Amino acid sequence: MNTKIELDPSKMGDYLRCPRLYFYRHILGWRTETSQLPLVFGESWHRAKELLFVQGVKEENVGEAHQRFMAYYREHFSEDTDLDSPRSPGNALAGLHEYVSLYGDWVTLEKIGDKPATEVYGTVPISDTRILHFRIDAILKSGSRVLIVDHKTSGINSPAYQSVYSMSNQVYTYLHAMMSLYGVERVEGLLIDLSVFRKSGNVHVRIPIKKSIEAMEEWLWNVNKVYSRIEEDYEDLAKSSPEDPIMRAFPKNERGCAAFGRKCEYYDFCMGWPNPLHRVEKPPLGFIVDFWNPADIEKEKENVINL
């Protein structure tokens, strides 16, 4: 089990959806093998977009960007797994052509030291004793100011779904980090750069987000309240035993049992295991151990900012 608290916005989002989901995903590290496709596709798309941002959002760079997509994608999925689905290598290539056609060479990257400001990792304080890890996809120049860009992929093109981005811890964390680095006045805002991959045709959407100082202060108070709840659950877990009839830590949240029309991958465990500590030695059939640890990833990266 991973009992060290190292939080980023994605982990906090999982906790807010359901603390018991957080336990399975981030303390045990269990993920279904099939859940890897959206994650791998999304990471591959990020890598392709990074190349375009660095070398230019131009048609002449699409081929190399797709090669970069494939290099990561093929580490996880072989050719015989390719399906005629929206999240496929072929549709990714189509999406890159579409993106270049829509937006052209619009990127002027900020620099961190002498390096283009893409894939910027780091930590930012949220109190005297707490930090959040972050990964910012790109920081652009916007006159004398900077603009944060966050690449997203989805299978859903819904204004209601997209409105959630403006309230996400991820957005606030990125803004907080860049305001801490550059100062409040130099941060123009954040742009969600969303690509929706669908059988009926891909869609590329941009969602600009700005926050007032009061909104940032409210988020800082709120995120520390959530952090306290997570710390309390870790403390309760340390007091728990496999011999207990139930696990008195990381409670289940009935509102988290389904999302985006899908049942939670841990639903059957929650239905059948009042104390999952009985069964933590190895993942069940169909699951793998795959921890997401931002601190480990930061050690491998060049653009790392610890504020």
C-alpha atoms as a PDB file:
ATOM      1  CA  MET A   1       0.000   0.000   0.000  1.00  0.00           C
ATOM      2  CA  ASN A   2       1.092   3.587  -0.671  1.00  0.00           C
ATOM      3  CA  THR A   3       0.462   5.487   2.564  1.00  0.00           C
ATOM      4  CA  LYS A   4       2.412   8.667   1.741  1.00  0.00           C
ATOM      5  CA  ILE A   5       0.301  11.748   1.035  1.00  0.00           C
ATOM      6  CA  GLU A   6       1.390  13.289  -2.276  1.00  0.00           C
ATOM      7  CA  LEU A   7      -1.551  15.138  -3.759  1.00  0.00           C
ATOM      8  CA  ASP A   8      -2.286  16.728  -7.097  1.00  0.00           C
ATOM      9  CA  PRO A   9      -5.625  17.991  -8.464  1.00  0.00           C
ATOM     10  CA  SER A  10      -6.455  14.651 -10.119  1.00  0.00           C
ATOM     11  CA  LYS A  11      -6.041  12.750  -6.865  1.00  0.00           C
ATOM     12  CA  MET A  12      -8.123  15.302  -5.002  1.00  0.00           C
ATOM     13  CA  GLY A  13     -10.805  15.008  -7.670  1.00  0.00           C
ATOM     14  CA  ASP A  14     -10.912  11.246  -7.174  1.00  0.00           C
ATOM     15  CA  TYR A  15     -11.249  11.752  -3.418  1.00  0.00           C
ATOM     16  CA  LEU A  16     -14.119  14.209  -3.854  1.00  0.00           C
ATOM     17  CA  ARG A  17     -15.902  11.788  -6.157  1.00  0.00           C
ATOM     18  CA  CYS A  18     -15.550   8.975  -3.611  1.00  0.00           C
ATOM     19  CA  PRO A  19     -12.993   8.447  -0.811  1.00  0.00           C
ATOM     20  CA  ARG A  20     -13.227   4.661  -1.215  1.00  0.00           C
ATOM     21  CA  LEU A  21     -12.409   5.028  -4.927  1.00  0.00           C
ATOM     22  CA  TYR A  22      -9.368   7.048  -3.847  1.00  0.00           C
ATOM     23  CA  PHE A  23      -8.331   4.181  -1.560  1.00  0.00           C
ATOM     24  CA  TYR A  24      -8.460   1.592  -4.346  1.00  0.00           C
ATOM     25  CA  ARG A  25      -6.886   3.800  -7.016  1.00  0.00           C
ATOM     26  CA  HIS A  26      -4.172   5.664  -5.110  1.00  0.00           C
ATOM     27  CA  ILE A  27      -3.404   3.678  -1.966  1.00  0.00           C
ATOM     28  CA  LEU A  28      -3.658   0.210  -3.499  1.00  0.00           C
ATOM     29  CA  GLY A  29      -2.898   1.441  -7.033  1.00  0.00           C
ATOM     30  CA  TRP A  30      -5.537  -0.801  -8.623  1.00  0.00           C
ATOM     31  CA  ARG A  31      -6.778   0.012 -12.119  1.00  0.00           C
ATOM     32  CA  THR A  32      -8.632  -2.097 -14.640  1.00  0.00           C
ATOM     33  CA  GLU A  33      -6.611  -3.037 -17.702  1.00  0.00           C
ATOM     34  CA  THR A  34      -9.335  -1.625 -19.978  1.00  0.00           C
ATOM     35  CA  SER A  35      -9.289   1.741 -18.182  1.00  0.00           C
ATOM     36  CA  GLN A  36      -5.807   2.315 -19.603  1.00  0.00           C
ATOM     37  CA  LEU A  37      -6.996   3.246 -23.115  1.00  0.00           C
ATOM     38  CA  PRO A  38      -8.374   6.742 -22.314  1.00  0.00           C
ATOM     39  CA  LEU A  39      -5.325   7.483 -20.147  1.00  0.00           C
ATOM     40  CA  VAL A  40      -2.808   6.292 -22.734  1.00  0.00           C
ATOM     41  CA  PHE A  41      -4.636   7.995 -25.602  1.00  0.00           C
ATOM     42  CA  GLY A  42      -4.788  11.236 -23.636  1.00  0.00           C
ATOM     43  CA  GLU A  43      -1.087  11.144 -22.746  1.00  0.00           C
ATOM     44  CA  SER A  44      -0.177  10.327 -26.357  1.00  0.00           C
ATOM     45  CA  TRP A  45      -2.243  13.294 -27.548  1.00  0.00           C
ATOM     46  CA  HIS A  46      -0.512  15.553 -25.019  1.00  0.00           C
ATOM     47  CA  ARG A  47       2.866  14.525 -26.387  1.00  0.00           C
ATOM     48  CA  ALA A  48       1.810  15.169 -29.971  1.00  0.00           C
ATOM     49  CA  LYS A  49       0.442  18.599 -29.056  1.00  0.00           C
ATOM     50  CA  GLU A  50       3.637  19.485 -27.209  1.00  0.00           C
ATOM     51  CA  LEU A  51       5.644  18.890 -30.384  1.00  0.00           C
ATOM     52  CA  LEU A  52       3.286  21.120 -32.377  1.00  0.00           C
ATOM     53  CA  PHE A  53       3.529  23.877 -29.779  1.00  0.00           C
ATOM     54  CA  VAL A  54       7.336  23.766 -29.772  1.00  0.00           C
ATOM     55  CA  GLN A  55       7.914  23.356 -33.516  1.00  0.00           C
ATOM     56  CA  GLY A  56       4.859  25.211 -34.796  1.00  0.00           C
ATOM     57  CA  VAL A  57       1.162  24.468 -35.264  1.00  0.00           C
ATOM     58  CA  LYS A  58       1.689  23.805 -38.963  1.00  0.00           C
ATOM     59  CA  GLU A  59       0.706  21.073 -41.389  1.00  0.00           C
ATOM     60  CA  GLU A  60       4.362  20.268 -42.070  1.00  0.00           C
ATOM     61  CA  ASN A  61       4.757  19.175 -38.423  1.00  0.00           C
ATOM     62  CA  VAL A  62       1.708  16.907 -38.209  1.00  0.00           C
ATOM     63  CA  GLY A  63       3.575  13.792 -39.359  1.00  0.00           C
ATOM     64  CA  GLU A  64       6.251  14.135 -36.675  1.00  0.00           C
ATOM     65  CA  ALA A  65       3.631  14.959 -34.053  1.00  0.00           C
ATOM     66  CA  HIS A  66       1.762  11.764 -34.932  1.00  0.00           C
ATOM     67  CA  GLN A  67       5.009   9.783 -34.724  1.00  0.00           C
ATOM     68  CA  ARG A  68       5.416  11.124 -31.212  1.00  0.00           C
ATOM     69  CA  PHE A  69       1.830  10.073 -30.461  1.00  0.00           C
ATOM     70  CA  MET A  70       2.546   6.572 -31.734  1.00  0.00           C
ATOM     71  CA  ALA A  71       5.828   6.196 -29.853  1.00  0.00           C
ATOM     72  CA  TYR A  72       4.030   6.402 -26.510  1.00  0.00           C
ATOM     73  CA  TYR A  73       0.840   4.679 -27.652  1.00  0.00           C
ATOM     74  CA  ARG A  74       2.725   1.608 -28.926  1.00  0.00           C
ATOM     75  CA  GLU A  75       4.441   1.201 -25.562  1.00  0.00           C
ATOM     76  CA  HIS A  76       1.025   0.174 -24.249  1.00  0.00           C
ATOM     77  CA  PHE A  77      -1.028  -1.116 -27.189  1.00  0.00           C
ATOM     78  CA  SER A  78       0.070  -3.256 -30.147  1.00  0.00           C
ATOM     79  CA  GLU A  79      -1.354  -3.005 -33.668  1.00  0.00           C
ATOM     80  CA  ASP A  80      -3.696  -5.936 -33.150  1.00  0.00           C
ATOM     81  CA  THR A  81      -5.517  -3.967 -30.467  1.00  0.00           C
ATOM     82  CA  ASP A  82      -6.309  -1.042 -32.779  1.00  0.00           C
ATOM     83  CA  LEU A  83     -10.044  -0.663 -33.189  1.00  0.00           C
ATOM     84  CA  ASP A  84     -12.286   1.397 -35.406  1.00  0.00           C
ATOM     85  CA  SER A  85     -13.088   3.713 -32.511  1.00  0.00           C
ATOM     86  CA  PRO A  86     -12.779   7.425 -31.771  1.00  0.00           C
ATOM     87  CA  ARG A  87      -9.730   6.830 -29.552  1.00  0.00           C
ATOM     88  CA  SER A  88      -7.564   5.211 -32.211  1.00  0.00           C
ATOM     89  CA  PRO A  89      -4.210   6.132 -33.784  1.00  0.00           C
ATOM     90  CA  GLY A  90      -5.903   6.834 -37.124  1.00  0.00           C
ATOM     91  CA  ASN A  91      -8.403   9.239 -35.610  1.00  0.00           C
ATOM     92  CA  ALA A  92      -5.619  10.924 -33.667  1.00  0.00           C
ATOM     93  CA  LEU A  93      -3.909  11.689 -36.981  1.00  0.00           C
ATOM     94  CA  ALA A  94      -7.170  13.103 -38.338  1.00  0.00           C
ATOM     95  CA  GLY A  95      -7.487  15.193 -35.167  1.00  0.00           C
ATOM     96  CA  LEU A  96      -4.034  16.679 -35.612  1.00  0.00           C
ATOM     97  CA  HIS A  97      -4.817  17.710 -39.185  1.00  0.00           C
ATOM     98  CA  GLU A  98      -8.085  19.264 -37.987  1.00  0.00           C
ATOM     99  CA  TYR A  99      -6.387  21.145 -35.169  1.00  0.00           C
ATOM    100  CA  VAL A 100      -3.760  22.662 -37.455  1.00  0.00           C
ATOM    101  CA  SER A 101      -6.411  23.626 -39.994  1.00  0.00           C
ATOM    102  CA  LEU A 102      -8.496  25.358 -37.321  1.00  0.00           C
ATOM    103  CA  TYR A 103      -5.850  27.188 -35.363  1.00  0.00           C
ATOM    104  CA  GLY A 104      -2.760  27.569 -37.527  1.00  0.00           C
ATOM    105  CA  ASP A 105       0.523  28.753 -36.059  1.00  0.00           C
ATOM    106  CA  TRP A 106      -0.915  30.633 -33.082  1.00  0.00           C
ATOM    107  CA  VAL A 107       1.558  29.655 -30.349  1.00  0.00           C
ATOM    108  CA  THR A 108       4.246  31.883 -28.841  1.00  0.00           C
ATOM    109  CA  LEU A 109       5.699  29.957 -25.933  1.00  0.00           C
ATOM    110  CA  GLU A 110       7.001  31.473 -22.724  1.00  0.00           C
ATOM    111  CA  LYS A 111      10.401  30.161 -21.629  1.00  0.00           C
ATOM    112  CA  ILE A 112      11.575  28.837 -18.295  1.00  0.00           C
ATOM    113  CA  GLY A 113      15.281  29.502 -18.290  1.00  0.00           C
ATOM    114  CA  ASP A 114      16.267  28.634 -21.841  1.00  0.00           C
ATOM    115  CA  LYS A 115      13.608  25.924 -22.323  1.00  0.00           C
ATOM    116  CA  PRO A 116      10.150  26.262 -23.929  1.00  0.00           C
ATOM    117  CA  ALA A 117       7.475  26.303 -21.232  1.00  0.00           C
ATOM    118  CA  THR A 118       5.772  23.015 -22.044  1.00  0.00           C
ATOM    119  CA  GLU A 119       5.154  20.081 -19.702  1.00  0.00           C
ATOM    120  CA  VAL A 120       5.943  22.225 -16.670  1.00  0.00           C
ATOM    121  CA  TYR A 121       5.906  20.157 -13.482  1.00  0.00           C
ATOM    122  CA  GLY A 122       6.264  21.344  -9.925  1.00  0.00           C
ATOM    123  CA  THR A 123       4.834  22.006  -6.505  1.00  0.00           C
ATOM    124  CA  VAL A 124       3.076  25.010  -5.012  1.00  0.00           C
ATOM    125  CA  PRO A 125       2.284  25.682  -1.340  1.00  0.00           C
ATOM    126  CA  ILE A 126      -1.338  25.901  -0.222  1.00  0.00           C
ATOM    127  CA  SER A 127      -0.394  26.444   3.449  1.00  0.00           C
ATOM    128  CA  ASP A 128       2.728  26.593   5.588  1.00  0.00           C
ATOM    129  CA  THR A 129       2.913  22.783   5.675  1.00  0.00           C
ATOM    130  CA  ARG A 130       1.048  21.584   2.561  1.00  0.00           C
ATOM    131  CA  ILE A 131       1.875  21.501  -1.132  1.00  0.00           C
ATOM    132  CA  LEU A 132       0.094  20.434  -4.301  1.00  0.00           C
ATOM    133  CA  HIS A 133       1.869  18.917  -7.290  1.00  0.00           C
ATOM    134  CA  PHE A 134       0.960  20.220 -10.741  1.00  0.00           C
ATOM    135  CA  ARG A 135       1.629  19.581 -14.407  1.00  0.00           C
ATOM    136  CA  ILE A 136       0.965  22.467 -16.779  1.00  0.00           C
ATOM    137  CA  ASP A 137       0.850  21.591 -20.470  1.00  0.00           C
ATOM    138  CA  ALA A 138       2.002  24.955 -21.811  1.00  0.00           C
ATOM    139  CA  ILE A 139       2.555  28.575 -20.836  1.00  0.00           C
ATOM    140  CA  LEU A 140       2.155  31.077 -23.663  1.00  0.00           C
ATOM    141  CA  LYS A 141       3.197  34.680 -24.038  1.00  0.00           C
ATOM    142  CA  SER A 142       0.272  37.078 -24.306  1.00  0.00           C
ATOM    143  CA  GLY A 143       1.810  40.510 -24.728  1.00  0.00           C
ATOM    144  CA  SER A 144       3.465  41.268 -21.392  1.00  0.00           C
ATOM    145  CA  ARG A 145       1.368  38.618 -19.677  1.00  0.00           C
ATOM    146  CA  VAL A 146       1.207  34.819 -19.698  1.00  0.00           C
ATOM    147  CA  LEU A 147      -1.596  32.423 -20.580  1.00  0.00           C
ATOM    148  CA  ILE A 148      -1.838  28.859 -19.258  1.00  0.00           C
ATOM    149  CA  VAL A 149      -2.959  26.165 -21.727  1.00  0.00           C
ATOM    150  CA  ASP A 150      -4.401  22.846 -20.587  1.00  0.00           C
ATOM    151  CA  HIS A 151      -4.850  20.141 -23.251  1.00  0.00           C
ATOM    152  CA  LYS A 152      -7.894  17.929 -22.740  1.00  0.00           C
ATOM    153  CA  THR A 153      -9.378  14.964 -24.575  1.00  0.00           C
ATOM    154  CA  SER A 154     -12.914  13.673 -24.206  1.00  0.00           C
ATOM    155  CA  GLY A 155     -15.566  11.582 -25.887  1.00  0.00           C
ATOM    156  CA  ILE A 156     -18.341  13.975 -24.873  1.00  0.00           C
ATOM    157  CA  ASN A 157     -19.152  17.327 -26.474  1.00  0.00           C
ATOM    158  CA  SER A 158     -21.500  18.819 -23.918  1.00  0.00           C
ATOM    159  CA  PRO A 159     -21.607  22.448 -22.683  1.00  0.00           C
ATOM    160  CA  ALA A 160     -22.857  21.183 -19.313  1.00  0.00           C
ATOM    161  CA  TYR A 161     -19.913  18.798 -19.031  1.00  0.00           C
ATOM    162  CA  GLN A 162     -17.460  21.467 -20.200  1.00  0.00           C
ATOM    163  CA  SER A 163     -18.738  23.978 -17.632  1.00  0.00           C
ATOM    164  CA  VAL A 164     -17.228  21.785 -14.897  1.00  0.00           C
ATOM    165  CA  TYR A 165     -13.717  22.769 -15.982  1.00  0.00           C
ATOM    166  CA  SER A 166     -14.168  26.259 -14.582  1.00  0.00           C
ATOM    167  CA  MET A 167     -14.783  24.824 -11.103  1.00  0.00           C
ATOM    168  CA  SER A 168     -12.051  22.181 -11.137  1.00  0.00           C
ATOM    169  CA  ASN A 169      -9.217  22.051  -8.614  1.00  0.00           C
ATOM    170  CA  GLN A 170      -6.880  21.537 -11.549  1.00  0.00           C
ATOM    171  CA  VAL A 171      -7.659  24.938 -13.050  1.00  0.00           C
ATOM    172  CA  TYR A 172      -7.366  26.703  -9.706  1.00  0.00           C
ATOM    173  CA  THR A 173      -4.100  24.920  -8.900  1.00  0.00           C
ATOM    174  CA  TYR A 174      -2.539  25.975 -12.201  1.00  0.00           C
ATOM    175  CA  LEU A 175      -3.645  29.579 -11.746  1.00  0.00           C
ATOM    176  CA  HIS A 176      -2.409  29.579  -8.144  1.00  0.00           C
ATOM    177  CA  ALA A 177       0.972  28.208  -9.218  1.00  0.00           C
ATOM    178  CA  MET A 178       1.456  30.721 -12.031  1.00  0.00           C
ATOM    179  CA  MET A 179       0.241  33.655  -9.907  1.00  0.00           C
ATOM    180  CA  SER A 180       2.796  32.577  -7.299  1.00  0.00           C
ATOM    181  CA  LEU A 181       5.519  32.459  -9.970  1.00  0.00           C
ATOM    182  CA  TYR A 182       4.711  35.526 -12.093  1.00  0.00           C
ATOM    183  CA  GLY A 183       2.520  37.643  -9.831  1.00  0.00           C
ATOM    184  CA  VAL A 184      -1.241  38.073 -10.081  1.00  0.00           C
ATOM    185  CA  GLU A 185      -1.216  40.875 -12.643  1.00  0.00           C
ATOM    186  CA  ARG A 186       0.904  38.993 -15.178  1.00  0.00           C
ATOM    187  CA  VAL A 187      -1.400  35.957 -15.401  1.00  0.00           C
ATOM    188  CA  GLU A 188      -4.044  36.568 -18.055  1.00  0.00           C
ATOM    189  CA  GLY A 189      -5.942  33.358 -17.295  1.00  0.00           C
ATOM    190  CA  LEU A 190      -6.206  29.767 -18.495  1.00  0.00           C
ATOM    191  CA  LEU A 191      -7.379  28.224 -21.747  1.00  0.00           C
ATOM    192  CA  ILE A 192      -8.874  24.730 -21.877  1.00  0.00           C
ATOM    193  CA  ASP A 193      -7.752  23.381 -25.271  1.00  0.00           C
ATOM    194  CA  LEU A 194     -10.236  20.523 -25.670  1.00  0.00           C
ATOM    195  CA  SER A 195     -10.360  17.910 -28.417  1.00  0.00           C
ATOM    196  CA  VAL A 196     -13.470  15.716 -28.477  1.00  0.00           C
ATOM    197  CA  PHE A 197     -13.027  12.430 -30.359  1.00  0.00           C
ATOM    198  CA  ARG A 198     -16.321  10.971 -31.631  1.00  0.00           C
ATOM    199  CA  LYS A 199     -17.510   8.558 -34.297  1.00  0.00           C
ATOM    200  CA  SER A 200     -19.746  11.289 -35.663  1.00  0.00           C
ATOM    201  CA  GLY A 201     -16.762  13.612 -36.127  1.00  0.00           C
ATOM    202  CA  ASN A 202     -14.160  15.246 -33.935  1.00  0.00           C
ATOM    203  CA  VAL A 203     -14.672  18.654 -32.384  1.00  0.00           C
ATOM    204  CA  HIS A 204     -12.033  21.057 -31.053  1.00  0.00           C
ATOM    205  CA  VAL A 205     -13.188  23.545 -28.426  1.00  0.00           C
ATOM    206  CA  ARG A 206     -11.476  26.353 -26.545  1.00  0.00           C
ATOM    207  CA  ILE A 207     -12.752  27.411 -23.143  1.00  0.00           C
ATOM    208  CA  PRO A 208     -11.204  30.580 -21.620  1.00  0.00           C
ATOM    209  CA  ILE A 209     -11.220  30.802 -17.814  1.00  0.00           C
ATOM    210  CA  LYS A 210     -10.377  33.748 -15.547  1.00  0.00           C
ATOM    211  CA  LYS A 211     -10.641  34.017 -11.765  1.00  0.00           C
ATOM    212  CA  SER A 212     -10.850  36.967  -9.370  1.00  0.00           C
ATOM    213  CA  ILE A 213      -8.652  37.259  -6.290  1.00  0.00           C
ATOM    214  CA  GLU A 214     -11.712  36.526  -4.139  1.00  0.00           C
ATOM    215  CA  ALA A 215     -12.406  33.329  -6.099  1.00  0.00           C
ATOM    216  CA  MET A 216      -8.787  32.241  -5.623  1.00  0.00           C
ATOM    217  CA  GLU A 217      -8.983  32.916  -1.880  1.00  0.00           C
ATOM    218  CA  GLU A 218     -12.190  30.901  -1.614  1.00  0.00           C
ATOM    219  CA  TRP A 219     -10.581  27.991  -3.481  1.00  0.00           C
ATOM    220  CA  LEU A 220      -7.538  28.095  -1.183  1.00  0.00           C
ATOM    221  CA  TRP A 221      -9.762  27.799   1.881  1.00  0.00           C
ATOM    222  CA  ASN A 222     -11.785  25.019   0.277  1.00  0.00           C
ATOM    223  CA  VAL A 223      -8.820  22.971  -0.926  1.00  0.00           C
ATOM    224  CA  ASN A 224      -7.288  23.052   2.554  1.00  0.00           C
ATOM    225  CA  LYS A 225     -10.559  21.764   4.038  1.00  0.00           C
ATOM    226  CA  VAL A 226     -10.458  18.839   1.609  1.00  0.00           C
ATOM    227  CA  TYR A 227      -6.780  18.243   2.374  1.00  0.00           C
ATOM    228  CA  SER A 228      -7.659  18.005   6.092  1.00  0.00           C
ATOM    229  CA  ARG A 229     -10.294  15.381   5.360  1.00  0.00           C
ATOM    230  CA  ILE A 230      -7.773  13.342   3.361  1.00  0.00           C
ATOM    231  CA  GLU A 231      -5.222  13.552   6.187  1.00  0.00           C
ATOM    232  CA  GLU A 232      -7.864  12.376   8.646  1.00  0.00           C
ATOM    233  CA  ASP A 233      -8.666   9.359   6.471  1.00  0.00           C
ATOM    234  CA  TYR A 234      -4.978   8.431   6.271  1.00  0.00           C
ATOM    235  CA  GLU A 235      -4.801   8.611  10.068  1.00  0.00           C
ATOM    236  CA  ASP A 236      -7.891   6.411  10.389  1.00  0.00           C
ATOM    237  CA  LEU A 237      -6.422   3.932   7.903  1.00  0.00           C
ATOM    238  CA  ALA A 238      -3.257   3.639  10.008  1.00  0.00           C
ATOM    239  CA  LYS A 239      -5.445   2.581  12.941  1.00  0.00           C
ATOM    240  CA  SER A 240      -7.346  -0.003  10.864  1.00  0.00           C
ATOM    241  CA  SER A 241      -6.639  -3.722  10.736  1.00  0.00           C
ATOM    242  CA  PRO A 242      -7.544  -6.603   8.401  1.00  0.00           C
ATOM    243  CA  GLU A 243      -9.128  -8.217  11.466  1.00  0.00           C
ATOM    244  CA  ASP A 244     -11.724  -5.458  11.793  1.00  0.00           C
ATOM    245  CA  PRO A 245     -15.206  -6.272  10.466  1.00  0.00           C
ATOM    246  CA  ILE A 246     -15.236  -3.012   8.491  1.00  0.00           C
ATOM    247  CA  MET A 247     -12.650  -0.480   7.332  1.00  0.00           C
ATOM    248  CA  ARG A 248     -13.263   2.772   9.174  1.00  0.00           C
ATOM    249  CA  ALA A 249     -11.444   4.994   6.705  1.00  0.00           C
ATOM    250  CA  PHE A 250     -12.112   6.394   3.229  1.00  0.00           C
ATOM    251  CA  PRO A 251     -15.921   6.086   3.348  1.00  0.00           C
ATOM    252  CA  LYS A 252     -18.008   5.178   0.329  1.00  0.00           C
ATOM    253  CA  ASN A 253     -19.937   7.886  -1.472  1.00  0.00           C
ATOM    254  CA  GLU A 254     -23.086   6.668  -3.194  1.00  0.00           C
ATOM    255  CA  ARG A 255     -22.998   9.669  -5.557  1.00  0.00           C
ATOM    256  CA  GLY A 256     -19.702   8.416  -6.984  1.00  0.00           C
ATOM    257  CA  CYS A 257     -20.873   4.969  -8.098  1.00  0.00           C
ATOM    258  CA  ALA A 258     -21.390   6.123 -11.688  1.00  0.00           C
ATOM    259  CA  ALA A 259     -19.917   8.867 -13.846  1.00  0.00           C
ATOM    260  CA  PHE A 260     -20.317   9.725 -17.534  1.00  0.00           C
ATOM    261  CA  GLY A 261     -22.806   6.877 -17.909  1.00  0.00           C
ATOM    262  CA  ARG A 262     -20.423   4.216 -16.558  1.00  0.00           C
ATOM    263  CA  LYS A 263     -20.423   2.234 -13.349  1.00  0.00           C
ATOM    264  CA  CYS A 264     -17.375   2.716 -11.141  1.00  0.00           C
ATOM    265  CA  GLU A 265     -14.731   0.049 -11.726  1.00  0.00           C
ATOM    266  CA  TYR A 266     -14.633  -0.651  -7.968  1.00  0.00           C
ATOM    267  CA  TYR A 267     -18.410  -0.986  -7.552  1.00  0.00           C
ATOM    268  CA  ASP A 268     -18.387  -4.772  -7.042  1.00  0.00           C
ATOM    269  CA  PHE A 269     -15.688  -4.484  -4.377  1.00  0.00           C
ATOM    270  CA  CYS A 270     -17.731  -1.910  -2.488  1.00  0.00           C
ATOM    271  CA  MET A 271     -20.799  -4.126  -2.686  1.00  0.00           C
ATOM    272  CA  GLY A 272     -18.996  -7.205  -1.403  1.00  0.00           C
ATOM    273  CA  TRP A 273     -16.139  -6.063   0.863  1.00  0.00           C
ATOM    274  CA  PRO A 274     -16.954  -4.170   4.089  1.00  0.00           C
ATOM    275  CA  ASN A 275     -13.229  -4.346   4.876  1.00  0.00           C
ATOM    276  CA  PRO A 276     -11.043  -4.462   1.738  1.00  0.00           C
ATOM    277  CA  LEU A 277      -7.929  -4.738   3.928  1.00  0.00           C
ATOM    278  CA  HIS A 278      -8.604  -8.493   3.895  1.00  0.00           C
ATOM    279  CA  ARG A 279      -7.604  -8.600   0.214  1.00  0.00           C
ATOM    280  CA  VAL A 280      -4.846  -6.080  -0.446  1.00  0.00           C
ATOM    281  CA  GLU A 281      -2.021  -8.541  -1.200  1.00  0.00           C
ATOM    282  CA  LYS A 282      -2.677  -8.610  -4.956  1.00  0.00           C
ATOM    283  CA  PRO A 283      -5.173  -7.059  -7.362  1.00  0.00           C
ATOM    284  CA  PRO A 284      -8.190  -9.102  -8.512  1.00  0.00           C
ATOM    285  CA  LEU A 285      -8.395 -10.635 -11.974  1.00  0.00           C
ATOM    286  CA  GLY A 286      -8.647  -7.930 -14.629  1.00  0.00           C
ATOM    287  CA  PHE A 287      -6.853  -5.325 -12.504  1.00  0.00           C
ATOM    288  CA  ILE A 288      -3.234  -4.187 -12.493  1.00  0.00           C
ATOM    289  CA  VAL A 289      -1.166  -2.188 -10.021  1.00  0.00           C
ATOM    290  CA  ASP A 290      -0.384   1.187 -11.575  1.00  0.00           C
ATOM    291  CA  PHE A 291       0.408   4.043  -9.209  1.00  0.00           C
ATOM    292  CA  TRP A 292       0.188   7.675 -10.281  1.00  0.00           C
ATOM    293  CA  ASN A 293       2.878   9.488  -8.305  1.00  0.00           C
ATOM    294  CA  PRO A 294       3.584  13.037  -9.499  1.00  0.00           C
ATOM    295  CA  ALA A 295       6.702  13.343  -7.342  1.00  0.00           C
ATOM    296  CA  ASP A 296       8.329  10.395  -9.127  1.00  0.00           C
ATOM    297  CA  ILE A 297       7.491  11.826 -12.557  1.00  0.00           C
ATOM    298  CA  GLU A 298       8.958  15.216 -11.633  1.00  0.00           C
ATOM    299  CA  LYS A 299      12.349  13.587 -11.038  1.00  0.00           C
ATOM    300  CA  GLU A 300      12.481  12.641 -14.733  1.00  0.00           C
ATOM    301  CA  LYS A 301      11.492  16.039 -16.151  1.00  0.00           C
ATOM    302  CA  GLU A 302      13.479  19.115 -17.143  1.00  0.00           C
ATOM    303  CA  ASN A 303      10.914  21.863 -16.522  1.00  0.00           C
ATOM    304  CA  VAL A 304      10.293  21.544 -12.777  1.00  0.00           C
ATOM    305  CA  ILE A 305       9.334  24.490 -10.571  1.00  0.00           C
ATOM    306  CA  ASN A 306       9.131  24.125  -6.800  1.00  0.00           C
ATOM    307  CA  LEU A 307       7.556  27.300  -5.467  1.00  0.00           C
END
